Amino acid sequence: MSPELERLLNALWEKRNCEPKDRARWQATAERLIQDALAKHPRLSRDHFMDAVMPRYEEFCRMRRKRHTALPPRG
């Protein structure tokens, strides 16, 4: 996975799961990363880009949840 994609996926995850007070910051970060990616591919529409990103985001979320559930209980 490219570092740029990983940063975008993390920003999308944080936007969805962060404290409400931090949501605007993560929204702005995700939007900036999307715009940066689109600037590198001027013929790519935002909808097509997000269509390509979303399956990777879903897998990213599954891996995050799996990592959290794999942690041993504190004791």
C-alpha atoms as a PDB file:
ATOM      1  CA  MET A   1       0.000   0.000   0.000  1.00  0.00           C
ATOM      2  CA  SER A   2       1.349   3.421  -0.872  1.00  0.00           C
ATOM      3  CA  PRO A   3       1.986   5.886   1.955  1.00  0.00           C
ATOM      4  CA  GLU A   4      -0.464   8.343   0.364  1.00  0.00           C
ATOM      5  CA  LEU A   5      -3.251   5.760   0.282  1.00  0.00           C
ATOM      6  CA  GLU A   6      -2.532   4.715   3.848  1.00  0.00           C
ATOM      7  CA  ARG A   7      -2.728   8.342   5.027  1.00  0.00           C
ATOM      8  CA  LEU A   8      -6.049   8.789   3.213  1.00  0.00           C
ATOM      9  CA  LEU A   9      -7.533   5.587   4.624  1.00  0.00           C
ATOM     10  CA  ASN A  10      -6.427   6.551   8.116  1.00  0.00           C
ATOM     11  CA  ALA A  11      -7.921  10.040   7.752  1.00  0.00           C
ATOM     12  CA  LEU A  12     -11.233   8.566   6.572  1.00  0.00           C
ATOM     13  CA  TRP A  13     -11.231   6.141   9.513  1.00  0.00           C
ATOM     14  CA  GLU A  14     -10.390   8.862  12.014  1.00  0.00           C
ATOM     15  CA  LYS A  15     -13.109  11.127  10.570  1.00  0.00           C
ATOM     16  CA  ARG A  16     -15.649   8.393  11.202  1.00  0.00           C
ATOM     17  CA  ASN A  17     -14.375   7.255  14.612  1.00  0.00           C
ATOM     18  CA  CYS A  18     -12.872  10.312  16.282  1.00  0.00           C
ATOM     19  CA  GLU A  19     -14.299  12.484  19.013  1.00  0.00           C
ATOM     20  CA  PRO A  20     -16.869  14.964  17.675  1.00  0.00           C
ATOM     21  CA  LYS A  21     -14.583  17.885  18.500  1.00  0.00           C
ATOM     22  CA  ASP A  22     -11.929  16.491  16.107  1.00  0.00           C
ATOM     23  CA  ARG A  23     -14.245  15.627  13.218  1.00  0.00           C
ATOM     24  CA  ALA A  24     -13.806  18.880  11.260  1.00  0.00           C
ATOM     25  CA  ARG A  25     -10.017  18.528  11.369  1.00  0.00           C
ATOM     26  CA  TRP A  26     -10.145  14.943  10.063  1.00  0.00           C
ATOM     27  CA  GLN A  27     -12.692  15.927   7.408  1.00  0.00           C
ATOM     28  CA  ALA A  28     -10.354  18.674   6.207  1.00  0.00           C
ATOM     29  CA  THR A  29      -7.395  16.294   6.215  1.00  0.00           C
ATOM     30  CA  ALA A  30      -9.279  13.650   4.216  1.00  0.00           C
ATOM     31  CA  GLU A  31     -10.509  16.252   1.741  1.00  0.00           C
ATOM     32  CA  ARG A  32      -6.981  17.630   1.253  1.00  0.00           C
ATOM     33  CA  LEU A  33      -5.617  14.134   0.636  1.00  0.00           C
ATOM     34  CA  ILE A  34      -8.392  13.404  -1.872  1.00  0.00           C
ATOM     35  CA  GLN A  35      -7.698  16.668  -3.693  1.00  0.00           C
ATOM     36  CA  ASP A  36      -3.956  15.935  -3.736  1.00  0.00           C
ATOM     37  CA  ALA A  37      -4.608  12.528  -5.290  1.00  0.00           C
ATOM     38  CA  LEU A  38      -7.006  13.954  -7.866  1.00  0.00           C
ATOM     39  CA  ALA A  39      -4.473  16.630  -8.820  1.00  0.00           C
ATOM     40  CA  LYS A  40      -2.026  13.859  -9.758  1.00  0.00           C
ATOM     41  CA  HIS A  41      -4.677  12.261 -12.019  1.00  0.00           C
ATOM     42  CA  PRO A  42      -6.572  15.118 -13.702  1.00  0.00           C
ATOM     43  CA  ARG A  43      -8.661  12.839 -15.922  1.00  0.00           C
ATOM     44  CA  LEU A  44      -9.980  10.868 -12.956  1.00  0.00           C
ATOM     45  CA  SER A  45     -13.305  12.000 -11.530  1.00  0.00           C
ATOM     46  CA  ARG A  46     -13.820  12.196  -7.799  1.00  0.00           C
ATOM     47  CA  ASP A  47     -16.573   9.554  -8.034  1.00  0.00           C
ATOM     48  CA  HIS A  48     -14.321   7.081  -9.845  1.00  0.00           C
ATOM     49  CA  PHE A  49     -11.500   7.762  -7.419  1.00  0.00           C
ATOM     50  CA  MET A  50     -13.727   7.168  -4.395  1.00  0.00           C
ATOM     51  CA  ASP A  51     -15.173   4.045  -6.047  1.00  0.00           C
ATOM     52  CA  ALA A  52     -11.611   2.702  -6.180  1.00  0.00           C
ATOM     53  CA  VAL A  53     -10.772   3.812  -2.630  1.00  0.00           C
ATOM     54  CA  MET A  54     -13.845   2.468  -0.827  1.00  0.00           C
ATOM     55  CA  PRO A  55     -13.083  -1.280  -1.140  1.00  0.00           C
ATOM     56  CA  ARG A  56      -9.604  -0.579   0.212  1.00  0.00           C
ATOM     57  CA  TYR A  57     -11.127   1.516   3.004  1.00  0.00           C
ATOM     58  CA  GLU A  58     -13.492  -1.313   3.944  1.00  0.00           C
ATOM     59  CA  GLU A  59     -10.559  -3.733   4.118  1.00  0.00           C
ATOM     60  CA  PHE A  60      -8.590  -1.172   6.154  1.00  0.00           C
ATOM     61  CA  CYS A  61     -11.508  -0.960   8.625  1.00  0.00           C
ATOM     62  CA  ARG A  62     -11.723  -4.750   8.891  1.00  0.00           C
ATOM     63  CA  MET A  63      -8.017  -4.942   9.647  1.00  0.00           C
ATOM     64  CA  ARG A  64      -8.283  -2.187  12.279  1.00  0.00           C
ATOM     65  CA  ARG A  65     -11.175  -3.969  13.990  1.00  0.00           C
ATOM     66  CA  LYS A  66      -9.365  -7.292  13.823  1.00  0.00           C
ATOM     67  CA  ARG A  67      -6.261  -5.720  15.355  1.00  0.00           C
ATOM     68  CA  HIS A  68      -8.322  -4.238  18.205  1.00  0.00           C
ATOM     69  CA  THR A  69     -10.126  -7.519  18.932  1.00  0.00           C
ATOM     70  CA  ALA A  70      -6.859  -9.469  18.826  1.00  0.00           C
ATOM     71  CA  LEU A  71      -5.414  -7.550  21.764  1.00  0.00           C
ATOM     72  CA  PRO A  72      -5.365  -9.505  25.001  1.00  0.00           C
ATOM     73  CA  PRO A  73      -7.521  -8.195  27.830  1.00  0.00           C
ATOM     74  CA  ARG A  74      -5.855  -5.925  30.317  1.00  0.00           C
ATOM     75  CA  GLY A  75      -5.419  -7.423  33.682  1.00  0.00           C
END
